[in-house]
N, C-alpha and C. Protein backbone atom coordinates (compact mmCIF):
# COMPACT_ATOMS: atom_id res chain seq x y z
N UNK A 1 86.58 123.31 94.78
CA UNK A 1 86.11 122.09 95.41
C UNK A 1 85.36 121.20 94.41
N UNK A 2 84.71 121.82 93.42
CA UNK A 2 83.98 121.03 92.43
C UNK A 2 84.91 120.10 91.68
N UNK A 3 86.14 120.60 91.37
CA UNK A 3 87.09 119.74 90.67
C UNK A 3 87.43 118.52 91.51
N UNK A 4 87.62 118.72 92.81
CA UNK A 4 87.93 117.60 93.69
C UNK A 4 86.77 116.61 93.70
N UNK A 5 85.53 117.10 93.77
CA UNK A 5 84.37 116.21 93.73
C UNK A 5 84.30 115.47 92.41
N UNK A 6 84.64 116.15 91.30
CA UNK A 6 84.66 115.50 90.00
C UNK A 6 85.73 114.41 89.97
N UNK A 7 86.89 114.69 90.55
CA UNK A 7 87.96 113.69 90.58
C UNK A 7 87.57 112.49 91.43
N UNK A 8 86.94 112.73 92.56
CA UNK A 8 86.48 111.63 93.41
C UNK A 8 85.42 110.81 92.67
N UNK A 9 84.54 111.49 91.94
CA UNK A 9 83.52 110.78 91.16
C UNK A 9 84.18 109.93 90.08
N UNK A 10 85.25 110.45 89.46
CA UNK A 10 85.97 109.69 88.42
C UNK A 10 86.55 108.42 89.04
N UNK A 11 87.16 108.52 90.23
CA UNK A 11 87.69 107.36 90.93
C UNK A 11 86.57 106.37 91.21
N UNK A 12 85.45 106.86 91.70
CA UNK A 12 84.29 106.01 92.02
C UNK A 12 83.81 105.29 90.76
N UNK A 13 83.71 106.00 89.65
CA UNK A 13 83.23 105.40 88.40
C UNK A 13 84.16 104.29 87.91
N UNK A 14 85.47 104.52 88.01
CA UNK A 14 86.42 103.50 87.56
C UNK A 14 86.33 102.26 88.43
N UNK A 15 86.21 102.45 89.74
CA UNK A 15 86.09 101.31 90.66
C UNK A 15 84.80 100.54 90.36
N UNK A 16 83.69 101.26 90.20
CA UNK A 16 82.41 100.60 89.90
C UNK A 16 82.48 99.81 88.60
N UNK A 17 83.21 100.34 87.63
CA UNK A 17 83.31 99.69 86.33
C UNK A 17 84.29 98.54 86.28
N UNK A 18 85.06 98.36 87.36
CA UNK A 18 86.10 97.33 87.34
C UNK A 18 85.80 96.18 88.29
N UNK A 19 85.51 96.49 89.54
CA UNK A 19 85.13 95.54 90.58
C UNK A 19 86.24 94.62 91.08
N UNK A 20 87.04 94.02 90.19
CA UNK A 20 88.14 93.17 90.67
C UNK A 20 89.39 94.04 90.79
N UNK A 21 90.02 93.94 91.94
CA UNK A 21 91.21 94.74 92.22
C UNK A 21 92.38 93.84 92.58
N UNK A 22 93.56 94.37 92.50
CA UNK A 22 94.75 93.70 93.02
C UNK A 22 95.09 94.40 94.33
N UNK A 23 95.01 93.65 95.42
CA UNK A 23 95.34 94.18 96.75
C UNK A 23 96.78 93.78 97.05
N UNK A 24 97.64 94.78 97.22
CA UNK A 24 99.05 94.55 97.49
C UNK A 24 99.35 94.86 98.95
N UNK A 25 99.98 93.89 99.61
CA UNK A 25 100.38 94.05 101.01
C UNK A 25 101.84 93.64 101.15
N UNK A 26 102.40 93.86 102.32
CA UNK A 26 103.78 93.47 102.62
C UNK A 26 103.74 92.17 103.41
N UNK A 27 104.44 91.14 102.90
CA UNK A 27 104.42 89.85 103.62
C UNK A 27 105.43 89.86 104.77
N UNK A 28 105.52 88.75 105.48
CA UNK A 28 106.37 88.68 106.68
C UNK A 28 107.86 88.82 106.36
N UNK A 29 108.24 88.59 105.09
CA UNK A 29 109.64 88.76 104.69
C UNK A 29 109.90 90.14 104.08
N UNK A 30 108.91 91.01 104.11
CA UNK A 30 109.08 92.36 103.58
C UNK A 30 108.85 92.48 102.08
N UNK A 31 108.37 91.41 101.45
CA UNK A 31 108.11 91.44 100.01
C UNK A 31 106.70 91.95 99.75
N UNK A 32 106.54 92.60 98.60
CA UNK A 32 105.21 93.03 98.17
C UNK A 32 104.51 91.85 97.50
N UNK A 33 103.27 91.60 97.91
CA UNK A 33 102.48 90.49 97.37
C UNK A 33 101.12 91.05 96.95
N UNK A 34 100.69 90.70 95.74
CA UNK A 34 99.38 91.15 95.23
C UNK A 34 98.46 89.97 95.02
N UNK A 35 97.20 90.16 95.38
CA UNK A 35 96.19 89.12 95.18
C UNK A 35 94.93 89.75 94.61
N UNK A 36 94.26 89.03 93.69
CA UNK A 36 93.00 89.57 93.16
C UNK A 36 91.90 89.47 94.20
N UNK A 37 91.12 90.52 94.29
CA UNK A 37 90.03 90.58 95.27
C UNK A 37 88.81 91.20 94.61
N UNK A 38 87.63 90.73 94.99
CA UNK A 38 86.37 91.31 94.49
C UNK A 38 85.92 92.40 95.45
N UNK A 39 85.79 93.60 94.93
CA UNK A 39 85.33 94.72 95.76
C UNK A 39 83.89 94.47 96.16
N UNK A 40 83.60 94.60 97.45
CA UNK A 40 82.28 94.27 97.96
C UNK A 40 81.34 95.46 98.03
N UNK A 41 81.86 96.63 98.22
CA UNK A 41 81.02 97.81 98.40
C UNK A 41 81.55 98.87 97.45
N UNK A 42 80.84 99.11 96.34
CA UNK A 42 81.40 99.97 95.31
C UNK A 42 80.92 101.41 95.38
N UNK A 43 80.21 101.79 96.41
CA UNK A 43 79.86 103.19 96.60
C UNK A 43 81.04 103.87 97.29
N UNK A 44 82.12 104.03 96.54
CA UNK A 44 83.40 104.48 97.09
C UNK A 44 83.26 105.81 97.80
N UNK A 45 83.63 105.81 99.07
CA UNK A 45 83.60 107.02 99.89
C UNK A 45 84.97 107.24 100.53
N UNK A 46 85.99 106.63 99.95
CA UNK A 46 87.33 106.68 100.53
C UNK A 46 87.72 105.36 101.15
N UNK A 47 86.75 104.45 101.28
CA UNK A 47 86.99 103.13 101.86
C UNK A 47 86.53 102.06 100.87
N UNK A 48 87.36 101.01 100.71
CA UNK A 48 86.95 99.84 99.93
C UNK A 48 86.94 98.64 100.86
N UNK A 49 86.10 97.67 100.54
CA UNK A 49 85.92 96.49 101.39
C UNK A 49 86.06 95.22 100.58
N UNK A 50 86.73 94.25 101.19
CA UNK A 50 86.88 92.92 100.61
C UNK A 50 86.54 91.90 101.69
N UNK A 51 86.10 90.72 101.27
CA UNK A 51 85.89 89.62 102.21
C UNK A 51 87.07 88.67 102.06
N UNK A 52 87.63 88.26 103.19
CA UNK A 52 88.81 87.39 103.18
C UNK A 52 88.79 86.50 104.41
N UNK A 53 89.80 85.64 104.50
CA UNK A 53 89.97 84.78 105.68
C UNK A 53 90.99 85.40 106.61
N UNK A 54 90.61 85.49 107.87
CA UNK A 54 91.48 86.07 108.88
C UNK A 54 92.82 85.34 108.94
N UNK A 55 92.78 84.00 108.84
CA UNK A 55 93.99 83.18 109.02
C UNK A 55 94.84 83.07 107.75
N UNK A 56 94.40 83.71 106.66
CA UNK A 56 95.20 83.65 105.42
C UNK A 56 96.49 84.44 105.61
N UNK A 57 97.45 84.17 104.74
CA UNK A 57 98.70 84.93 104.78
C UNK A 57 98.44 86.41 104.63
N UNK A 58 97.49 86.75 103.78
CA UNK A 58 97.14 88.15 103.56
C UNK A 58 96.55 88.77 104.83
N UNK A 59 95.61 88.07 105.46
CA UNK A 59 95.00 88.58 106.68
C UNK A 59 96.00 88.77 107.79
N UNK A 60 96.89 87.81 107.96
CA UNK A 60 97.93 87.90 108.99
C UNK A 60 98.89 89.05 108.71
N UNK A 61 99.31 89.17 107.46
CA UNK A 61 100.26 90.22 107.08
C UNK A 61 99.66 91.61 107.30
N UNK A 62 98.40 91.78 106.95
CA UNK A 62 97.75 93.09 107.11
C UNK A 62 97.66 93.48 108.58
N UNK A 63 97.45 92.48 109.45
CA UNK A 63 97.39 92.79 110.88
C UNK A 63 98.75 93.27 111.40
N UNK A 64 99.84 92.80 110.79
CA UNK A 64 101.18 93.21 111.20
C UNK A 64 101.62 94.51 110.56
N UNK A 65 101.25 94.71 109.28
CA UNK A 65 101.64 95.91 108.56
C UNK A 65 100.44 96.34 107.71
N UNK A 66 99.73 97.39 108.13
CA UNK A 66 98.49 97.76 107.45
C UNK A 66 98.67 98.57 106.16
N UNK A 67 99.90 98.90 105.77
CA UNK A 67 100.12 99.69 104.55
C UNK A 67 99.85 98.84 103.33
N UNK A 68 98.91 99.29 102.48
CA UNK A 68 98.52 98.53 101.30
C UNK A 68 98.33 99.46 100.10
N UNK A 69 98.22 98.82 98.94
CA UNK A 69 97.83 99.49 97.71
C UNK A 69 96.74 98.64 97.07
N UNK A 70 95.77 99.30 96.48
CA UNK A 70 94.70 98.61 95.77
C UNK A 70 94.69 99.18 94.35
N UNK A 71 94.85 98.31 93.36
CA UNK A 71 94.91 98.75 91.97
C UNK A 71 93.74 98.17 91.17
N UNK A 72 93.08 99.04 90.42
CA UNK A 72 91.98 98.66 89.54
C UNK A 72 92.42 98.97 88.11
N UNK A 73 92.27 98.01 87.22
CA UNK A 73 92.58 98.22 85.80
C UNK A 73 91.36 97.83 84.98
N UNK A 74 90.74 98.83 84.38
CA UNK A 74 89.54 98.58 83.60
C UNK A 74 89.78 98.79 82.12
N UNK A 75 88.74 99.08 81.42
CA UNK A 75 88.81 99.29 79.98
C UNK A 75 89.28 100.71 79.71
N UNK A 76 90.59 100.89 79.63
CA UNK A 76 91.16 102.20 79.33
C UNK A 76 91.25 103.14 80.52
N UNK A 77 90.98 102.64 81.72
CA UNK A 77 91.05 103.48 82.92
C UNK A 77 91.65 102.67 84.07
N UNK A 78 92.42 103.34 84.91
CA UNK A 78 93.11 102.69 86.01
C UNK A 78 93.02 103.57 87.24
N UNK A 79 92.99 102.92 88.42
CA UNK A 79 93.03 103.63 89.70
C UNK A 79 94.00 102.90 90.61
N UNK A 80 94.81 103.67 91.33
CA UNK A 80 95.69 103.14 92.35
C UNK A 80 95.38 103.84 93.66
N UNK A 81 94.94 103.08 94.65
CA UNK A 81 94.63 103.61 95.98
C UNK A 81 95.75 103.24 96.94
N UNK A 82 96.22 104.19 97.72
CA UNK A 82 97.19 103.91 98.77
C UNK A 82 96.54 104.22 100.10
N UNK A 83 96.74 103.32 101.08
CA UNK A 83 96.11 103.57 102.36
C UNK A 83 96.44 102.53 103.39
N UNK A 84 95.59 102.47 104.41
CA UNK A 84 95.76 101.55 105.53
C UNK A 84 94.61 100.57 105.58
N UNK A 85 94.96 99.30 105.82
CA UNK A 85 93.96 98.24 105.91
C UNK A 85 93.76 97.82 107.35
N UNK A 86 92.60 97.27 107.60
CA UNK A 86 92.31 96.71 108.92
C UNK A 86 91.37 95.54 108.75
N UNK A 87 91.47 94.61 109.66
CA UNK A 87 90.57 93.46 109.71
C UNK A 87 89.36 93.86 110.55
N UNK A 88 88.16 93.63 110.02
CA UNK A 88 86.94 94.03 110.71
C UNK A 88 86.06 92.80 110.91
N UNK A 89 85.66 92.58 112.16
CA UNK A 89 84.73 91.51 112.52
C UNK A 89 83.33 92.11 112.56
N UNK A 90 82.56 91.90 111.52
CA UNK A 90 81.22 92.47 111.45
C UNK A 90 80.31 91.49 110.71
N UNK A 91 79.72 90.57 111.46
CA UNK A 91 78.89 89.52 110.88
C UNK A 91 77.71 90.10 110.12
N UNK A 92 77.11 91.18 110.63
CA UNK A 92 75.97 91.79 109.94
C UNK A 92 76.38 92.34 108.57
N UNK A 93 77.53 93.00 108.50
CA UNK A 93 78.01 93.55 107.23
C UNK A 93 78.40 92.40 106.28
N UNK A 94 79.00 91.35 106.84
CA UNK A 94 79.32 90.17 106.02
C UNK A 94 78.06 89.58 105.41
N UNK A 95 77.00 89.45 106.22
CA UNK A 95 75.73 88.92 105.72
C UNK A 95 75.19 89.79 104.58
N UNK A 96 75.30 91.10 104.76
CA UNK A 96 74.81 92.05 103.76
C UNK A 96 75.58 91.91 102.44
N UNK A 97 76.89 91.70 102.51
CA UNK A 97 77.74 91.68 101.32
C UNK A 97 77.95 90.28 100.73
N UNK A 98 77.62 89.25 101.50
CA UNK A 98 77.88 87.87 101.07
C UNK A 98 77.04 87.52 99.85
N UNK A 99 77.62 86.72 98.96
CA UNK A 99 76.89 86.30 97.75
C UNK A 99 77.28 84.86 97.41
N UNK A 100 76.63 84.31 96.40
CA UNK A 100 76.98 82.96 95.96
C UNK A 100 78.41 82.94 95.41
N UNK A 101 78.85 84.06 94.86
CA UNK A 101 80.23 84.17 94.39
C UNK A 101 81.19 84.00 95.57
N UNK A 102 80.88 84.65 96.69
CA UNK A 102 81.72 84.54 97.89
C UNK A 102 81.73 83.11 98.40
N UNK A 103 80.57 82.44 98.35
CA UNK A 103 80.46 81.03 98.76
C UNK A 103 81.41 80.14 97.96
N UNK A 104 81.67 80.51 96.72
CA UNK A 104 82.56 79.72 95.87
C UNK A 104 84.00 79.75 96.36
N UNK A 105 84.37 80.78 97.11
CA UNK A 105 85.76 80.96 97.52
C UNK A 105 86.00 80.73 99.01
N UNK A 106 84.99 81.00 99.82
CA UNK A 106 85.17 80.92 101.27
C UNK A 106 84.14 79.99 101.89
N UNK A 107 84.56 79.25 102.90
CA UNK A 107 83.68 78.27 103.55
C UNK A 107 82.99 78.84 104.77
N UNK A 108 81.81 78.33 105.04
CA UNK A 108 81.14 78.61 106.30
C UNK A 108 80.26 79.83 106.35
N UNK A 109 80.21 80.59 105.30
CA UNK A 109 79.34 81.77 105.26
C UNK A 109 79.78 82.87 106.20
N UNK A 110 78.93 83.87 106.34
CA UNK A 110 79.27 85.03 107.17
C UNK A 110 79.43 84.71 108.65
N UNK A 111 78.85 83.59 109.10
CA UNK A 111 78.93 83.22 110.51
C UNK A 111 80.27 82.58 110.87
N UNK A 112 81.05 82.16 109.88
CA UNK A 112 82.36 81.56 110.15
C UNK A 112 83.28 82.64 110.71
N UNK A 113 83.79 82.48 111.93
CA UNK A 113 84.63 83.53 112.53
C UNK A 113 85.95 83.77 111.79
N UNK A 114 86.32 82.85 110.88
CA UNK A 114 87.54 83.07 110.09
C UNK A 114 87.27 84.00 108.90
N UNK A 115 85.99 84.21 108.54
CA UNK A 115 85.65 85.12 107.44
C UNK A 115 85.48 86.52 107.99
N UNK A 116 86.24 87.45 107.44
CA UNK A 116 86.26 88.82 107.94
C UNK A 116 86.23 89.80 106.76
N UNK A 117 86.04 91.04 107.09
CA UNK A 117 86.17 92.11 106.10
C UNK A 117 87.57 92.69 106.20
N UNK A 118 88.13 93.00 105.05
CA UNK A 118 89.33 93.83 105.02
C UNK A 118 88.83 95.18 104.52
N UNK A 119 88.98 96.19 105.37
CA UNK A 119 88.60 97.55 104.98
C UNK A 119 89.86 98.36 104.77
N UNK A 120 89.90 99.06 103.64
CA UNK A 120 91.04 99.92 103.34
C UNK A 120 90.55 101.35 103.29
N UNK A 121 91.13 102.16 104.15
CA UNK A 121 90.87 103.60 104.11
C UNK A 121 91.97 104.21 103.26
N UNK A 122 91.59 104.72 102.10
CA UNK A 122 92.55 105.28 101.17
C UNK A 122 92.94 106.69 101.59
N UNK A 123 94.24 106.97 101.53
CA UNK A 123 94.76 108.33 101.77
C UNK A 123 94.76 109.10 100.46
N UNK A 124 95.19 108.42 99.40
CA UNK A 124 95.24 109.04 98.08
C UNK A 124 94.77 108.05 97.03
N UNK A 125 94.32 108.61 95.93
CA UNK A 125 93.95 107.82 94.76
C UNK A 125 94.58 108.51 93.56
N UNK A 126 95.19 107.73 92.70
CA UNK A 126 95.68 108.29 91.44
C UNK A 126 94.98 107.54 90.33
N UNK A 127 94.45 108.29 89.37
CA UNK A 127 93.77 107.63 88.27
C UNK A 127 94.32 108.10 86.94
N UNK A 128 94.18 107.23 85.97
CA UNK A 128 94.52 107.51 84.58
C UNK A 128 93.31 107.12 83.77
N UNK A 129 92.94 107.95 82.83
CA UNK A 129 91.80 107.66 81.97
C UNK A 129 92.19 108.03 80.55
N UNK A 130 92.23 107.03 79.69
CA UNK A 130 92.62 107.29 78.30
C UNK A 130 91.42 107.81 77.53
N UNK A 131 91.67 108.58 76.47
CA UNK A 131 90.55 109.13 75.71
C UNK A 131 89.79 108.02 74.98
N UNK A 132 88.48 108.09 75.05
CA UNK A 132 87.65 107.08 74.39
C UNK A 132 87.62 105.80 75.19
N UNK A 133 86.45 105.28 75.43
CA UNK A 133 86.36 104.08 76.26
C UNK A 133 86.36 102.80 75.44
N UNK A 134 86.14 102.91 74.12
CA UNK A 134 86.10 101.68 73.33
C UNK A 134 87.50 101.27 72.89
N UNK A 135 87.66 99.98 72.67
CA UNK A 135 88.96 99.47 72.19
C UNK A 135 89.33 100.09 70.85
N UNK A 136 88.33 100.30 69.98
CA UNK A 136 88.60 100.88 68.66
C UNK A 136 89.17 102.28 68.82
N UNK A 137 88.58 103.10 69.69
CA UNK A 137 89.06 104.45 69.92
C UNK A 137 90.46 104.42 70.51
N UNK A 138 90.72 103.52 71.44
CA UNK A 138 92.05 103.43 72.05
C UNK A 138 93.09 103.05 71.01
N UNK A 139 92.79 102.09 70.15
CA UNK A 139 93.73 101.68 69.10
C UNK A 139 93.95 102.85 68.14
N UNK A 140 92.88 103.55 67.77
CA UNK A 140 93.01 104.70 66.87
C UNK A 140 93.91 105.77 67.48
N UNK A 141 93.76 106.02 68.77
CA UNK A 141 94.60 107.01 69.46
C UNK A 141 96.07 106.56 69.48
N UNK A 142 96.31 105.27 69.68
CA UNK A 142 97.69 104.75 69.66
C UNK A 142 98.31 104.90 68.27
N UNK A 143 97.53 104.59 67.23
CA UNK A 143 98.03 104.72 65.86
C UNK A 143 98.31 106.19 65.56
N UNK A 144 97.39 107.07 65.95
CA UNK A 144 97.57 108.51 65.73
C UNK A 144 98.85 108.99 66.43
N UNK A 145 99.09 108.54 67.64
CA UNK A 145 100.28 108.94 68.37
C UNK A 145 101.54 108.45 67.65
N UNK A 146 101.50 107.24 67.15
CA UNK A 146 102.65 106.67 66.45
C UNK A 146 102.94 107.44 65.17
N UNK A 147 101.90 107.77 64.40
CA UNK A 147 102.07 108.46 63.12
C UNK A 147 102.54 109.90 63.33
N UNK A 148 101.96 110.60 64.31
CA UNK A 148 102.28 112.02 64.51
C UNK A 148 103.52 112.22 65.38
N UNK A 149 103.93 111.19 66.10
CA UNK A 149 105.06 111.33 67.01
C UNK A 149 104.67 111.94 68.34
N UNK A 150 103.39 112.23 68.53
CA UNK A 150 102.90 112.78 69.79
C UNK A 150 102.51 111.64 70.73
N UNK A 151 102.41 111.96 72.00
CA UNK A 151 101.97 110.95 72.96
C UNK A 151 100.45 110.93 73.02
N UNK A 152 99.90 109.83 73.49
CA UNK A 152 98.46 109.71 73.66
C UNK A 152 98.04 110.65 74.78
N UNK A 153 97.03 111.44 74.50
CA UNK A 153 96.51 112.33 75.52
C UNK A 153 95.58 111.55 76.44
N UNK A 154 95.61 111.89 77.68
CA UNK A 154 94.73 111.23 78.65
C UNK A 154 94.64 112.09 79.89
N UNK A 155 93.87 111.62 80.83
CA UNK A 155 93.67 112.34 82.07
C UNK A 155 94.38 111.60 83.19
N UNK A 156 95.15 112.32 83.99
CA UNK A 156 95.86 111.74 85.13
C UNK A 156 95.76 112.72 86.29
N UNK A 157 95.23 112.27 87.40
CA UNK A 157 95.08 113.13 88.58
C UNK A 157 95.40 112.34 89.84
N UNK A 158 95.94 113.03 90.84
CA UNK A 158 96.11 112.48 92.17
C UNK A 158 95.08 113.16 93.05
N UNK A 159 94.31 112.37 93.78
CA UNK A 159 93.23 112.88 94.60
C UNK A 159 93.54 112.57 96.05
N UNK A 160 93.62 113.61 96.88
CA UNK A 160 93.77 113.39 98.32
C UNK A 160 92.40 113.10 98.89
N UNK A 161 92.31 112.02 99.67
CA UNK A 161 91.01 111.61 100.22
C UNK A 161 90.91 111.89 101.70
C-alpha cells in the first residue's frame, strides 16, 4: 500500500507543480476537444476542479458526455487523468476558489449563475517522470541515450484511484 500512496503523492506533486491542464472532452459531433484550464484545488485527492461557464461549449458537452481526460505537462513530468466530469453549482466553493486571475476570464464573479465548477473524479492517473528535474539534466540524459544507444530511463506508473 505504501507504493500506491507514493504513486498518488507523485501524481499530486506533478499537478501542484504544473497547475495549468488541458481538459479534453467529447463535443456534440463526437470529436475530442482540449482546452487549457487552471486547476483550482491542487490538494489532489482523486478530484480536480476548474471554474468554467455553464453555457460554454465545454460545459454543455460535459453535461451530455461526462467522460474526460485531464493532462498536465510540467518540467520533465507529465500526468494524464481519466475520469468523469460533472457541473457543480456551489457559490460558496466558487467564492473560496475565485481570484483576480479568474476575474480576467469570467464575468460576474462567483455569484453569476453561469459560473460553475467542473469537478473531475479521476478513475486512473498515469504519470511519467524523467530523471533529473533541470533542463540541463534532461538534455544530458538525452545526449547520453543517443551516444550509448540506450533509451532514457524514467518512471512510468498507472495509479488506480
